[in-house]
Amino acid sequence: MKKDSIKFGSGFKYPFKRAAGLLNILWALIPIIGWFALYGYCINIVKHFIKGDFKQLPKFDFSNNIGLGFFMFFKSIPFFIVLTIAYIVVGIIPFLGVLGNMFIAIFIAPILIINFYNKETVASLFEFSKLEGVFNNMGEYVIAVLKTLALRIIFGIMILVLVGIPAGIFARNIFLSDFYRKYVK
């Protein structure tokens, strides 16, 4: 039995249900320490999405977030080295390289990164078997990607009134995490 998908309107409203949580973006103003704390917070948000918790932004716990952000950053380095090499190798092929890189960026990297956020292990970044969920449910995945793109466009426009910045950052993975929760996990 498949779980219900989160609706687009709910995804849009999510970061505003606890509007004070949007102020957590201000951690980005503190170099390095704030960046790690904010990264850890974003990972915690994705973990809430994976659990099916779309009620509101979670509370910000500085000590947990900074530790999580710090260790997850360093754990992700091997994947991003491999990903960069893959982009370079695939990108060498004229025209097809661009399509190949788009394929990697849309269909492979997001699910592996969400899997990493869920499991917190370096090995989880290389669990290519998780991609079966994407390819076996391609229609649903494309819908999740299109919802994500539409939400990014809307929040991109809302940058003009500043709330689009934190809303876009904190809700960026809502639909892909929902897909992961339903079809991959």
C-alpha atoms as a PDB file:
ATOM      1  CA  MET A   1       0.000   0.000   0.000  1.00  0.00           C
ATOM      2  CA  LYS A   2       1.457   3.342  -1.058  1.00  0.00           C
ATOM      3  CA  LYS A   3       1.353   6.332   1.246  1.00  0.00           C
ATOM      4  CA  ASP A   4      -0.373   9.522   0.132  1.00  0.00           C
ATOM      5  CA  SER A   5       1.816  12.189  -1.454  1.00  0.00           C
ATOM      6  CA  ILE A   6       2.157  15.585   0.086  1.00  0.00           C
ATOM      7  CA  LYS A   7       0.172  18.124  -1.918  1.00  0.00           C
ATOM      8  CA  PHE A   8       1.871  21.085  -3.568  1.00  0.00           C
ATOM      9  CA  GLY A   9      -0.020  23.607  -1.425  1.00  0.00           C
ATOM     10  CA  SER A  10       1.086  21.847   1.744  1.00  0.00           C
ATOM     11  CA  GLY A  11       4.681  21.901   0.533  1.00  0.00           C
ATOM     12  CA  PHE A  12       4.399  25.624  -0.111  1.00  0.00           C
ATOM     13  CA  LYS A  13       2.838  26.348   3.286  1.00  0.00           C
ATOM     14  CA  TYR A  14       5.237  24.122   5.245  1.00  0.00           C
ATOM     15  CA  PRO A  15       7.983  26.673   6.052  1.00  0.00           C
ATOM     16  CA  PHE A  16       5.410  29.281   7.100  1.00  0.00           C
ATOM     17  CA  LYS A  17       3.551  27.109   9.647  1.00  0.00           C
ATOM     18  CA  ARG A  18       6.181  28.044  12.222  1.00  0.00           C
ATOM     19  CA  ALA A  19       7.321  31.302  10.701  1.00  0.00           C
ATOM     20  CA  ALA A  20       9.773  31.993  13.540  1.00  0.00           C
ATOM     21  CA  GLY A  21      11.730  28.982  12.260  1.00  0.00           C
ATOM     22  CA  LEU A  22      12.554  30.952   9.122  1.00  0.00           C
ATOM     23  CA  LEU A  23      14.842  33.122  11.253  1.00  0.00           C
ATOM     24  CA  ASN A  24      17.194  30.150  11.582  1.00  0.00           C
ATOM     25  CA  ILE A  25      18.558  31.194   8.200  1.00  0.00           C
ATOM     26  CA  LEU A  26      20.441  33.917  10.086  1.00  0.00           C
ATOM     27  CA  TRP A  27      22.936  31.242  11.203  1.00  0.00           C
ATOM     28  CA  ALA A  28      24.322  31.553   7.660  1.00  0.00           C
ATOM     29  CA  LEU A  29      25.733  34.944   8.685  1.00  0.00           C
ATOM     30  CA  ILE A  30      28.178  33.299  11.093  1.00  0.00           C
ATOM     31  CA  PRO A  31      31.004  31.880   8.979  1.00  0.00           C
ATOM     32  CA  ILE A  32      31.808  28.183   9.276  1.00  0.00           C
ATOM     33  CA  ILE A  33      30.143  27.504  12.667  1.00  0.00           C
ATOM     34  CA  GLY A  34      26.792  28.867  11.518  1.00  0.00           C
ATOM     35  CA  TRP A  35      27.106  27.119   8.150  1.00  0.00           C
ATOM     36  CA  PHE A  36      27.639  23.717   9.792  1.00  0.00           C
ATOM     37  CA  ALA A  37      24.733  24.348  12.184  1.00  0.00           C
ATOM     38  CA  LEU A  38      22.472  25.367   9.297  1.00  0.00           C
ATOM     39  CA  TYR A  39      23.534  22.322   7.255  1.00  0.00           C
ATOM     40  CA  GLY A  40      22.743  20.061  10.227  1.00  0.00           C
ATOM     41  CA  TYR A  41      19.366  21.769  10.598  1.00  0.00           C
ATOM     42  CA  CYS A  42      18.559  21.162   6.919  1.00  0.00           C
ATOM     43  CA  ILE A  43      19.457  17.487   7.376  1.00  0.00           C
ATOM     44  CA  ASN A  44      17.120  17.312  10.392  1.00  0.00           C
ATOM     45  CA  ILE A  45      14.342  18.840   8.307  1.00  0.00           C
ATOM     46  CA  VAL A  46      14.809  16.114   5.656  1.00  0.00           C
ATOM     47  CA  LYS A  47      14.750  13.460   8.412  1.00  0.00           C
ATOM     48  CA  HIS A  48      11.386  14.857   9.553  1.00  0.00           C
ATOM     49  CA  PHE A  49      10.109  14.659   5.965  1.00  0.00           C
ATOM     50  CA  ILE A  50      11.236  11.030   5.679  1.00  0.00           C
ATOM     51  CA  LYS A  51       9.284  10.227   8.853  1.00  0.00           C
ATOM     52  CA  GLY A  52       6.195  11.818   7.264  1.00  0.00           C
ATOM     53  CA  ASP A  53       6.324  14.878   9.540  1.00  0.00           C
ATOM     54  CA  PHE A  54       5.276  17.813   7.372  1.00  0.00           C
ATOM     55  CA  LYS A  55       3.616  19.813  10.171  1.00  0.00           C
ATOM     56  CA  GLN A  56       6.132  22.602  10.735  1.00  0.00           C
ATOM     57  CA  LEU A  57       9.821  23.429  10.851  1.00  0.00           C
ATOM     58  CA  PRO A  58      11.501  21.583  13.727  1.00  0.00           C
ATOM     59  CA  LYS A  59      13.057  23.463  16.630  1.00  0.00           C
ATOM     60  CA  PHE A  60      16.667  24.505  16.112  1.00  0.00           C
ATOM     61  CA  ASP A  61      19.081  22.698  18.448  1.00  0.00           C
ATOM     62  CA  PHE A  62      22.455  24.370  17.938  1.00  0.00           C
ATOM     63  CA  SER A  63      24.700  21.729  19.541  1.00  0.00           C
ATOM     64  CA  ASN A  64      23.070  18.800  17.731  1.00  0.00           C
ATOM     65  CA  ASN A  65      22.853  20.663  14.426  1.00  0.00           C
ATOM     66  CA  ILE A  66      26.470  21.823  14.396  1.00  0.00           C
ATOM     67  CA  GLY A  67      27.759  18.347  15.241  1.00  0.00           C
ATOM     68  CA  LEU A  68      25.561  16.718  12.617  1.00  0.00           C
ATOM     69  CA  GLY A  69      26.441  19.314   9.990  1.00  0.00           C
ATOM     70  CA  PHE A  70      30.170  19.054  10.692  1.00  0.00           C
ATOM     71  CA  PHE A  71      30.385  15.260  10.524  1.00  0.00           C
ATOM     72  CA  MET A  72      27.997  14.927   7.572  1.00  0.00           C
ATOM     73  CA  PHE A  73      30.004  17.488   5.611  1.00  0.00           C
ATOM     74  CA  PHE A  74      33.199  15.487   5.994  1.00  0.00           C
ATOM     75  CA  LYS A  75      31.445  12.180   5.368  1.00  0.00           C
ATOM     76  CA  SER A  76      30.097  13.554   2.070  1.00  0.00           C
ATOM     77  CA  ILE A  77      33.507  14.494   0.631  1.00  0.00           C
ATOM     78  CA  PRO A  78      34.208  11.088  -1.025  1.00  0.00           C
ATOM     79  CA  PHE A  79      30.825  11.175  -2.782  1.00  0.00           C
ATOM     80  CA  PHE A  80      31.329  14.683  -4.094  1.00  0.00           C
ATOM     81  CA  ILE A  81      34.792  13.745  -5.382  1.00  0.00           C
ATOM     82  CA  VAL A  82      33.287  10.762  -7.236  1.00  0.00           C
ATOM     83  CA  LEU A  83      30.366  12.901  -8.436  1.00  0.00           C
ATOM     84  CA  THR A  84      32.738  15.568  -9.775  1.00  0.00           C
ATOM     85  CA  ILE A  85      34.790  12.931 -11.602  1.00  0.00           C
ATOM     86  CA  ALA A  86      31.582  11.452 -13.069  1.00  0.00           C
ATOM     87  CA  TYR A  87      30.481  14.906 -14.267  1.00  0.00           C
ATOM     88  CA  ILE A  88      33.877  15.508 -15.889  1.00  0.00           C
ATOM     89  CA  VAL A  89      34.026  12.085 -17.569  1.00  0.00           C
ATOM     90  CA  VAL A  90      30.430  12.230 -18.815  1.00  0.00           C
ATOM     91  CA  GLY A  91      30.810  15.899 -19.761  1.00  0.00           C
ATOM     92  CA  ILE A  92      33.632  15.100 -22.196  1.00  0.00           C
ATOM     93  CA  ILE A  93      31.132  13.581 -24.630  1.00  0.00           C
ATOM     94  CA  PRO A  94      29.850  16.377 -26.878  1.00  0.00           C
ATOM     95  CA  PHE A  95      26.132  17.141 -26.433  1.00  0.00           C
ATOM     96  CA  LEU A  96      25.430  13.767 -24.805  1.00  0.00           C
ATOM     97  CA  GLY A  97      27.635  14.834 -21.912  1.00  0.00           C
ATOM     98  CA  VAL A  98      25.233  17.637 -21.028  1.00  0.00           C
ATOM     99  CA  LEU A  99      22.313  15.200 -21.074  1.00  0.00           C
ATOM    100  CA  GLY A 100      24.298  12.673 -19.044  1.00  0.00           C
ATOM    101  CA  ASN A 101      25.176  15.269 -16.418  1.00  0.00           C
ATOM    102  CA  MET A 102      21.528  16.371 -16.242  1.00  0.00           C
ATOM    103  CA  PHE A 103      20.530  12.722 -15.799  1.00  0.00           C
ATOM    104  CA  ILE A 104      22.974  12.325 -12.909  1.00  0.00           C
ATOM    105  CA  ALA A 105      21.863  15.611 -11.311  1.00  0.00           C
ATOM    106  CA  ILE A 106      18.141  14.843 -11.566  1.00  0.00           C
ATOM    107  CA  PHE A 107      17.794  11.077 -11.216  1.00  0.00           C
ATOM    108  CA  ILE A 108      20.807   9.833  -9.260  1.00  0.00           C
ATOM    109  CA  ALA A 109      22.344  12.402  -6.902  1.00  0.00           C
ATOM    110  CA  PRO A 110      19.171  13.620  -5.109  1.00  0.00           C
ATOM    111  CA  ILE A 111      18.017  10.193  -3.942  1.00  0.00           C
ATOM    112  CA  LEU A 112      21.512   9.138  -2.881  1.00  0.00           C
ATOM    113  CA  ILE A 113      21.919  12.374  -0.909  1.00  0.00           C
ATOM    114  CA  ILE A 114      18.546  11.952   0.799  1.00  0.00           C
ATOM    115  CA  ASN A 115      19.515   8.341   1.574  1.00  0.00           C
ATOM    116  CA  PHE A 116      22.731   9.720   3.112  1.00  0.00           C
ATOM    117  CA  TYR A 117      20.775  12.204   5.226  1.00  0.00           C
ATOM    118  CA  ASN A 118      18.558   9.353   6.402  1.00  0.00           C
ATOM    119  CA  LYS A 119      21.301   6.828   7.242  1.00  0.00           C
ATOM    120  CA  GLU A 120      24.258   9.154   7.971  1.00  0.00           C
ATOM    121  CA  THR A 121      26.877   6.751   6.572  1.00  0.00           C
ATOM    122  CA  VAL A 122      29.378   7.213   3.759  1.00  0.00           C
ATOM    123  CA  ALA A 123      28.285   3.851   2.320  1.00  0.00           C
ATOM    124  CA  SER A 124      24.689   5.129   1.983  1.00  0.00           C
ATOM    125  CA  LEU A 125      25.892   7.620  -0.637  1.00  0.00           C
ATOM    126  CA  PHE A 126      26.899   4.672  -2.800  1.00  0.00           C
ATOM    127  CA  GLU A 127      23.810   2.479  -2.301  1.00  0.00           C
ATOM    128  CA  PHE A 128      22.917   2.475  -5.971  1.00  0.00           C
ATOM    129  CA  SER A 129      20.284  -0.204  -5.312  1.00  0.00           C
ATOM    130  CA  LYS A 130      18.166   2.634  -3.850  1.00  0.00           C
ATOM    131  CA  LEU A 131      17.838   4.015  -7.382  1.00  0.00           C
ATOM    132  CA  GLU A 132      15.506   1.115  -8.221  1.00  0.00           C
ATOM    133  CA  GLY A 133      12.818   3.065  -6.374  1.00  0.00           C
ATOM    134  CA  VAL A 134      13.325   5.928  -8.812  1.00  0.00           C
ATOM    135  CA  PHE A 135      13.338   3.841 -11.964  1.00  0.00           C
ATOM    136  CA  ASN A 136      10.478   1.572 -10.869  1.00  0.00           C
ATOM    137  CA  ASN A 137       8.318   4.618 -10.075  1.00  0.00           C
ATOM    138  CA  MET A 138       9.537   7.013 -12.760  1.00  0.00           C
ATOM    139  CA  GLY A 139       6.189   8.789 -13.196  1.00  0.00           C
ATOM    140  CA  GLU A 140       5.918   9.570  -9.495  1.00  0.00           C
ATOM    141  CA  TYR A 141       9.550  10.653  -9.378  1.00  0.00           C
ATOM    142  CA  VAL A 142       9.127  13.041 -12.319  1.00  0.00           C
ATOM    143  CA  ILE A 143       6.079  14.541 -10.577  1.00  0.00           C
ATOM    144  CA  ALA A 144       8.158  15.024  -7.383  1.00  0.00           C
ATOM    145  CA  VAL A 145      10.934  16.693  -9.424  1.00  0.00           C
ATOM    146  CA  LEU A 146       8.449  18.981 -11.195  1.00  0.00           C
ATOM    147  CA  LYS A 147       6.827  19.962  -7.870  1.00  0.00           C
ATOM    148  CA  THR A 148      10.299  20.666  -6.483  1.00  0.00           C
ATOM    149  CA  LEU A 149      11.160  22.820  -9.494  1.00  0.00           C
ATOM    150  CA  ALA A 150       7.870  24.759  -9.252  1.00  0.00           C
ATOM    151  CA  LEU A 151       8.396  25.344  -5.524  1.00  0.00           C
ATOM    152  CA  ARG A 152      11.945  26.587  -6.162  1.00  0.00           C
ATOM    153  CA  ILE A 153      10.657  29.008  -8.804  1.00  0.00           C
ATOM    154  CA  ILE A 154       7.972  30.377  -6.480  1.00  0.00           C
ATOM    155  CA  PHE A 155      10.383  30.748  -3.558  1.00  0.00           C
ATOM    156  CA  GLY A 156      12.928  32.228  -5.986  1.00  0.00           C
ATOM    157  CA  ILE A 157      10.426  34.955  -6.850  1.00  0.00           C
ATOM    158  CA  MET A 158       9.689  35.421  -3.148  1.00  0.00           C
ATOM    159  CA  ILE A 159      13.358  36.277  -2.586  1.00  0.00           C
ATOM    160  CA  LEU A 160      12.261  39.801  -3.437  1.00  0.00           C
ATOM    161  CA  VAL A 161      10.494  39.897  -0.048  1.00  0.00           C
ATOM    162  CA  LEU A 162      13.305  37.954   1.664  1.00  0.00           C
ATOM    163  CA  VAL A 163      11.153  35.113   3.043  1.00  0.00           C
ATOM    164  CA  GLY A 164      11.838  33.177  -0.154  1.00  0.00           C
ATOM    165  CA  ILE A 165      15.430  32.554   0.904  1.00  0.00           C
ATOM    166  CA  PRO A 166      14.788  30.536   4.086  1.00  0.00           C
ATOM    167  CA  ALA A 167      11.554  29.045   2.750  1.00  0.00           C
ATOM    168  CA  GLY A 168      13.384  27.816  -0.348  1.00  0.00           C
ATOM    169  CA  ILE A 169      16.253  26.380   1.657  1.00  0.00           C
ATOM    170  CA  PHE A 170      14.162  24.697   4.342  1.00  0.00           C
ATOM    171  CA  ALA A 171      11.504  23.245   2.000  1.00  0.00           C
ATOM    172  CA  ARG A 172      13.762  22.429  -0.963  1.00  0.00           C
ATOM    173  CA  ASN A 173      13.727  18.651  -0.441  1.00  0.00           C
ATOM    174  CA  ILE A 174      10.132  18.216   0.713  1.00  0.00           C
ATOM    175  CA  PHE A 175       8.786  16.448  -2.386  1.00  0.00           C
ATOM    176  CA  LEU A 176      11.886  14.359  -3.086  1.00  0.00           C
ATOM    177  CA  SER A 177      12.022  13.303   0.571  1.00  0.00           C
ATOM    178  CA  ASP A 178       8.345  12.390   0.356  1.00  0.00           C
ATOM    179  CA  PHE A 179       9.126  10.259  -2.708  1.00  0.00           C
ATOM    180  CA  TYR A 180      12.016   8.625  -0.828  1.00  0.00           C
ATOM    181  CA  ARG A 181       9.717   7.906   2.134  1.00  0.00           C
ATOM    182  CA  LYS A 182       7.155   6.218  -0.114  1.00  0.00           C
ATOM    183  CA  TYR A 183       9.204   4.366  -2.706  1.00  0.00           C
ATOM    184  CA  VAL A 184      12.862   4.034  -1.685  1.00  0.00           C
ATOM    185  CA  LYS A 185      13.318   3.746   2.074  1.00  0.00           C
END
